[in-house]
C-alpha atoms as a PDB file:
ATOM      1  CA  MET A   1       0.974 147.871  24.573  1.00  0.00           C
ATOM      2  CA  ASN A   2      -0.101 144.850  22.545  1.00  0.00           C
ATOM      3  CA  ILE A   3      -3.877 145.069  22.712  1.00  0.00           C
ATOM      4  CA  LYS A   4      -4.409 141.558  21.366  1.00  0.00           C
ATOM      5  CA  GLU A   5      -2.276 139.979  24.126  1.00  0.00           C
ATOM      6  CA  ILE A   6      -3.954 142.119  26.803  1.00  0.00           C
ATOM      7  CA  LEU A   7      -7.414 141.065  25.613  1.00  0.00           C
ATOM      8  CA  ILE A   8      -6.453 137.380  25.459  1.00  0.00           C
ATOM      9  CA  GLU A   9      -5.195 137.564  29.043  1.00  0.00           C
ATOM     10  CA  ASN A  10      -8.147 139.717  30.200  1.00  0.00           C
ATOM     11  CA  PRO A  11     -11.123 138.586  28.116  1.00  0.00           C
ATOM     12  CA  VAL A  12     -13.874 140.264  30.168  1.00  0.00           C
ATOM     13  CA  ILE A  13     -14.133 143.991  29.456  1.00  0.00           C
ATOM     14  CA  ALA A  14     -16.157 146.177  31.816  1.00  0.00           C
ATOM     15  CA  ALA A  15     -18.556 148.400  29.859  1.00  0.00           C
ATOM     16  CA  LEU A  16     -19.553 151.396  31.988  1.00  0.00           C
ATOM     17  CA  ARG A  17     -22.913 153.110  31.543  1.00  0.00           C
ATOM     18  CA  ASN A  18     -22.979 155.413  34.576  1.00  0.00           C
ATOM     19  CA  LYS A  19     -21.234 156.662  37.741  1.00  0.00           C
ATOM     20  CA  LYS A  20     -22.315 153.591  39.742  1.00  0.00           C
ATOM     21  CA  ASP A  21     -20.627 151.325  37.172  1.00  0.00           C
ATOM     22  CA  LEU A  22     -17.507 153.483  37.505  1.00  0.00           C
ATOM     23  CA  GLU A  23     -17.464 152.976  41.279  1.00  0.00           C
ATOM     24  CA  ASN A  24     -17.956 149.222  40.860  1.00  0.00           C
ATOM     25  CA  VAL A  25     -15.243 148.762  38.225  1.00  0.00           C
ATOM     26  CA  LEU A  26     -12.671 150.492  40.419  1.00  0.00           C
ATOM     27  CA  LYS A  27     -13.101 147.604  42.895  1.00  0.00           C
ATOM     28  CA  SER A  28     -13.233 144.861  40.257  1.00  0.00           C
ATOM     29  CA  LYS A  29     -10.617 142.647  38.627  1.00  0.00           C
ATOM     30  CA  ALA A  30     -11.525 143.987  35.172  1.00  0.00           C
ATOM     31  CA  LEU A  31      -8.431 145.523  33.568  1.00  0.00           C
ATOM     32  CA  VAL A  32      -9.907 146.788  30.281  1.00  0.00           C
ATOM     33  CA  VAL A  33     -12.741 149.294  30.494  1.00  0.00           C
ATOM     34  CA  PHE A  34     -15.078 150.698  27.838  1.00  0.00           C
ATOM     35  CA  VAL A  35     -16.516 154.077  28.886  1.00  0.00           C
ATOM     36  CA  LEU A  36     -19.980 154.313  27.317  1.00  0.00           C
ATOM     37  CA  TYR A  37     -21.179 157.443  29.115  1.00  0.00           C
ATOM     38  CA  GLY A  38     -20.085 160.918  30.108  1.00  0.00           C
ATOM     39  CA  ASN A  39     -19.909 164.370  28.649  1.00  0.00           C
ATOM     40  CA  ILE A  40     -17.299 166.935  27.705  1.00  0.00           C
ATOM     41  CA  MET A  41     -17.337 168.256  31.273  1.00  0.00           C
ATOM     42  CA  ASN A  42     -16.592 164.971  33.075  1.00  0.00           C
ATOM     43  CA  ILE A  43     -14.888 162.595  30.606  1.00  0.00           C
ATOM     44  CA  ALA A  44     -11.391 163.680  31.682  1.00  0.00           C
ATOM     45  CA  THR A  45     -12.209 162.989  35.346  1.00  0.00           C
ATOM     46  CA  ILE A  46     -13.716 159.584  34.516  1.00  0.00           C
ATOM     47  CA  CYS A  47     -10.593 158.566  32.576  1.00  0.00           C
ATOM     48  CA  LYS A  48      -8.271 159.907  35.287  1.00  0.00           C
ATOM     49  CA  LYS A  49      -9.993 157.815  37.992  1.00  0.00           C
ATOM     50  CA  LEU A  50      -9.736 154.687  35.852  1.00  0.00           C
ATOM     51  CA  LYS A  51      -6.098 155.263  34.943  1.00  0.00           C
ATOM     52  CA  GLU A  52      -5.226 155.893  38.617  1.00  0.00           C
ATOM     53  CA  GLU A  53      -6.417 152.311  39.234  1.00  0.00           C
ATOM     54  CA  ASN A  54      -4.260 151.080  36.306  1.00  0.00           C
ATOM     55  CA  LYS A  55      -7.228 150.321  34.083  1.00  0.00           C
ATOM     56  CA  ILE A  56      -6.825 150.322  30.301  1.00  0.00           C
ATOM     57  CA  VAL A  57      -9.393 152.841  29.099  1.00  0.00           C
ATOM     58  CA  PHE A  58     -11.294 153.065  25.818  1.00  0.00           C
ATOM     59  CA  VAL A  59     -13.798 155.894  25.325  1.00  0.00           C
ATOM     60  CA  HIS A  60     -16.770 155.381  23.022  1.00  0.00           C
ATOM     61  CA  LEU A  61     -16.670 158.644  21.054  1.00  0.00           C
ATOM     62  CA  ASP A  62     -20.240 158.316  19.800  1.00  0.00           C
ATOM     63  CA  MET A  63     -21.655 158.230  23.346  1.00  0.00           C
ATOM     64  CA  ILE A  64     -20.004 161.266  24.961  1.00  0.00           C
ATOM     65  CA  GLU A  65     -22.578 164.042  25.324  1.00  0.00           C
ATOM     66  CA  GLY A  66     -21.596 167.421  23.920  1.00  0.00           C
ATOM     67  CA  LEU A  67     -18.823 165.879  21.827  1.00  0.00           C
ATOM     68  CA  LYS A  68     -19.205 165.873  18.102  1.00  0.00           C
ATOM     69  CA  GLY A  69     -17.749 162.728  16.553  1.00  0.00           C
ATOM     70  CA  ASP A  70     -15.318 164.520  14.270  1.00  0.00           C
ATOM     71  CA  GLN A  71     -11.600 165.358  14.167  1.00  0.00           C
ATOM     72  CA  ALA A  72     -11.892 168.160  16.724  1.00  0.00           C
ATOM     73  CA  GLY A  73     -13.792 165.833  19.066  1.00  0.00           C
ATOM     74  CA  ILE A  74     -11.089 163.184  18.783  1.00  0.00           C
ATOM     75  CA  GLU A  75      -8.405 165.821  19.428  1.00  0.00           C
ATOM     76  CA  PHE A  76     -10.368 166.985  22.496  1.00  0.00           C
ATOM     77  CA  ILE A  77     -10.468 163.435  23.888  1.00  0.00           C
ATOM     78  CA  LYS A  78      -6.718 163.041  23.239  1.00  0.00           C
ATOM     79  CA  GLU A  79      -5.840 166.359  24.898  1.00  0.00           C
ATOM     80  CA  TYR A  80      -8.113 166.252  27.948  1.00  0.00           C
ATOM     81  CA  ALA A  81      -9.015 162.612  28.683  1.00  0.00           C
ATOM     82  CA  ASN A  82      -6.123 160.775  27.009  1.00  0.00           C
ATOM     83  CA  PRO A  83      -7.474 157.207  27.151  1.00  0.00           C
ATOM     84  CA  GLN A  84      -5.457 154.395  25.583  1.00  0.00           C
ATOM     85  CA  GLY A  85      -8.015 154.078  22.831  1.00  0.00           C
ATOM     86  CA  ILE A  86     -11.375 154.887  21.345  1.00  0.00           C
ATOM     87  CA  ILE A  87     -14.438 152.985  20.190  1.00  0.00           C
ATOM     88  CA  THR A  88     -16.649 154.249  17.383  1.00  0.00           C
ATOM     89  CA  THR A  89     -19.040 153.095  14.692  1.00  0.00           C
ATOM     90  CA  LYS A  90     -17.681 155.720  12.280  1.00  0.00           C
ATOM     91  CA  SER A  91     -14.957 154.640   9.854  1.00  0.00           C
ATOM     92  CA  SER A  92     -13.619 158.192   9.433  1.00  0.00           C
ATOM     93  CA  ASN A  93     -13.022 158.397  13.204  1.00  0.00           C
ATOM     94  CA  ILE A  94     -10.978 155.181  13.134  1.00  0.00           C
ATOM     95  CA  LYS A  95      -8.620 156.589  10.516  1.00  0.00           C
ATOM     96  CA  TYR A  96      -8.055 159.902  12.298  1.00  0.00           C
ATOM     97  CA  ALA A  97      -7.758 158.386  15.793  1.00  0.00           C
ATOM     98  CA  LYS A  98      -5.058 156.027  14.496  1.00  0.00           C
ATOM     99  CA  GLN A  99      -3.124 159.042  13.198  1.00  0.00           C
ATOM    100  CA  LEU A 100      -3.210 160.493  16.730  1.00  0.00           C
ATOM    101  CA  GLY A 101      -1.797 157.268  18.175  1.00  0.00           C
ATOM    102  CA  PHE A 102      -4.979 155.825  19.670  1.00  0.00           C
ATOM    103  CA  TYR A 103      -5.731 152.118  19.723  1.00  0.00           C
ATOM    104  CA  THR A 104      -8.965 151.871  17.786  1.00  0.00           C
ATOM    105  CA  ILE A 105     -11.977 149.602  18.105  1.00  0.00           C
ATOM    106  CA  GLN A 106     -14.627 149.729  15.415  1.00  0.00           C
ATOM    107  CA  ARG A 107     -18.081 148.769  16.679  1.00  0.00           C
ATOM    108  CA  VAL A 108     -20.230 147.035  14.072  1.00  0.00           C
ATOM    109  CA  PHE A 109     -23.856 145.993  14.337  1.00  0.00           C
ATOM    110  CA  ILE A 110     -24.573 142.844  12.342  1.00  0.00           C
ATOM    111  CA  ILE A 111     -28.294 142.373  11.807  1.00  0.00           C
ATOM    112  CA  ASP A 112     -28.277 140.594   8.466  1.00  0.00           C
ATOM    113  CA  SER A 113     -25.956 139.322   5.729  1.00  0.00           C
ATOM    114  CA  LEU A 114     -25.724 142.756   4.063  1.00  0.00           C
ATOM    115  CA  PHE A 115     -24.514 144.338   7.322  1.00  0.00           C
ATOM    116  CA  LEU A 116     -21.974 141.508   7.674  1.00  0.00           C
ATOM    117  CA  LYS A 117     -20.612 142.121   4.162  1.00  0.00           C
ATOM    118  CA  THR A 118     -20.537 145.911   4.663  1.00  0.00           C
ATOM    119  CA  GLY A 119     -18.910 145.539   8.085  1.00  0.00           C
ATOM    120  CA  ILE A 120     -16.121 143.347   6.692  1.00  0.00           C
ATOM    121  CA  LYS A 121     -15.524 145.816   3.848  1.00  0.00           C
ATOM    122  CA  ASN A 122     -15.313 148.766   6.279  1.00  0.00           C
ATOM    123  CA  ILE A 123     -12.876 146.909   8.531  1.00  0.00           C
ATOM    124  CA  HIS A 124     -10.583 146.190   5.597  1.00  0.00           C
ATOM    125  CA  GLU A 125     -10.711 149.853   4.548  1.00  0.00           C
ATOM    126  CA  THR A 126     -10.139 151.445   7.971  1.00  0.00           C
ATOM    127  CA  GLY A 127      -7.802 148.937   9.632  1.00  0.00           C
ATOM    128  CA  PRO A 128      -8.900 149.224  13.272  1.00  0.00           C
ATOM    129  CA  ASN A 129      -6.829 147.496  15.973  1.00  0.00           C
ATOM    130  CA  ALA A 130      -9.902 145.455  16.966  1.00  0.00           C
ATOM    131  CA  VAL A 131     -13.591 145.106  16.127  1.00  0.00           C
ATOM    132  CA  GLU A 132     -16.515 144.907  18.524  1.00  0.00           C
ATOM    133  CA  VAL A 133     -19.306 142.799  17.020  1.00  0.00           C
ATOM    134  CA  MET A 134     -22.845 143.518  18.224  1.00  0.00           C
ATOM    135  CA  PRO A 135     -24.754 141.567  19.363  1.00  0.00           C
ATOM    136  CA  GLY A 136     -22.078 139.539  21.079  1.00  0.00           C
ATOM    137  CA  VAL A 137     -24.259 136.469  21.480  1.00  0.00           C
ATOM    138  CA  ALA A 138     -24.215 135.875  17.738  1.00  0.00           C
ATOM    139  CA  SER A 139     -21.635 133.087  17.660  1.00  0.00           C
ATOM    140  CA  LYS A 140     -22.275 132.241  14.012  1.00  0.00           C
ATOM    141  CA  ILE A 141     -21.568 135.839  12.984  1.00  0.00           C
ATOM    142  CA  ILE A 142     -18.360 135.960  15.020  1.00  0.00           C
ATOM    143  CA  HIS A 143     -17.144 132.765  13.402  1.00  0.00           C
ATOM    144  CA  SER A 144     -17.932 134.125   9.902  1.00  0.00           C
ATOM    145  CA  MET A 145     -16.153 137.427  10.575  1.00  0.00           C
ATOM    146  CA  GLU A 146     -13.119 135.713  12.079  1.00  0.00           C
ATOM    147  CA  ARG A 147     -12.498 133.931   8.765  1.00  0.00           C
ATOM    148  CA  GLU A 148     -12.751 137.198   6.792  1.00  0.00           C
ATOM    149  CA  ILE A 149     -10.800 139.757   8.831  1.00  0.00           C
ATOM    150  CA  ASN A 150      -7.398 139.743  10.451  1.00  0.00           C
ATOM    151  CA  VAL A 151      -8.020 141.794  13.607  1.00  0.00           C
ATOM    152  CA  PRO A 152      -9.123 140.720  17.081  1.00  0.00           C
ATOM    153  CA  ILE A 153     -12.879 140.399  17.596  1.00  0.00           C
ATOM    154  CA  ILE A 154     -14.577 141.585  20.789  1.00  0.00           C
ATOM    155  CA  ALA A 155     -18.145 140.376  21.336  1.00  0.00           C
ATOM    156  CA  GLY A 156     -20.460 142.962  22.889  1.00  0.00           C
ATOM    157  CA  GLY A 157     -24.155 143.304  23.592  1.00  0.00           C
ATOM    158  CA  LEU A 158     -26.594 140.991  25.361  1.00  0.00           C
ATOM    159  CA  ILE A 159     -23.813 139.062  27.158  1.00  0.00           C
ATOM    160  CA  LYS A 160     -25.336 138.352  30.572  1.00  0.00           C
ATOM    161  CA  THR A 161     -24.081 134.937  31.724  1.00  0.00           C
ATOM    162  CA  LYS A 162     -20.828 133.011  32.029  1.00  0.00           C
ATOM    163  CA  LYS A 163     -22.167 130.704  29.296  1.00  0.00           C
ATOM    164  CA  ASP A 164     -22.583 133.714  26.971  1.00  0.00           C
ATOM    165  CA  VAL A 165     -18.945 134.632  27.652  1.00  0.00           C
ATOM    166  CA  MET A 166     -17.721 131.097  26.986  1.00  0.00           C
ATOM    167  CA  ASP A 167     -19.833 130.723  23.826  1.00  0.00           C
ATOM    168  CA  SER A 168     -18.531 133.993  22.368  1.00  0.00           C
ATOM    169  CA  LEU A 169     -14.917 133.093  23.151  1.00  0.00           C
ATOM    170  CA  ALA A 170     -15.402 129.604  21.697  1.00  0.00           C
ATOM    171  CA  ALA A 171     -16.809 131.154  18.496  1.00  0.00           C
ATOM    172  CA  GLY A 172     -13.597 133.082  17.942  1.00  0.00           C
ATOM    173  CA  ALA A 173     -13.892 136.330  19.913  1.00  0.00           C
ATOM    174  CA  ILE A 174     -10.753 137.063  21.935  1.00  0.00           C
ATOM    175  CA  ALA A 175     -12.688 139.112  24.503  1.00  0.00           C
ATOM    176  CA  ILE A 176     -16.202 140.227  25.425  1.00  0.00           C
ATOM    177  CA  SER A 177     -17.540 143.547  26.703  1.00  0.00           C
ATOM    178  CA  THR A 178     -20.387 143.523  29.175  1.00  0.00           C
ATOM    179  CA  THR A 179     -22.332 145.814  31.470  1.00  0.00           C
ATOM    180  CA  SER A 180     -23.084 142.830  33.753  1.00  0.00           C
ATOM    181  CA  ILE A 181     -21.095 143.638  36.886  1.00  0.00           C
ATOM    182  CA  GLU A 182     -21.283 139.976  38.009  1.00  0.00           C
ATOM    183  CA  LEU A 183     -19.087 138.997  35.056  1.00  0.00           C
ATOM    184  CA  TRP A 184     -16.353 141.595  35.644  1.00  0.00           C
ATOM    185  CA  ASN A 185     -14.567 139.353  38.150  1.00  0.00           C
ATOM    186  CA  LEU A 186     -14.534 136.136  36.093  1.00  0.00           C
END
């Protein structure tokens, strides 16, 4: 699986926050799915339903209730849910998840120039397969990061309209993640 090619061909990523979003994404055109909810009791079932519909699944480790974001937690996700990849804000999780064969997406929040500099440094150190930049409507930030790092950029957060999608893609993101169901079928 070449994640960069998949994201270029499928630039709208469905970000799921609850069971209703799960039901909606199963009927949508969205191929790539970010699971941003669940717990250790239901994450395997959520991933199974998505994979049965041929969705490419990424689980946000930091948002799964009852799961500690450490090596054992990553091993648990691999063993029981087995998504194609993981999302996390933690650099140590990126390194270990890569060792287990996961595609990795590092989520970074850029609120000022210091966070931008730190984010770029962390990306160089951990080597994720892709980076999700938050907030995704920050076109100037995306453009700055694109010049500094050599991994695909996914824009996430506050993307609510088709114009937001187009602006983020024009700024250099190869895909966007959104909880706006209306955008999942673009």
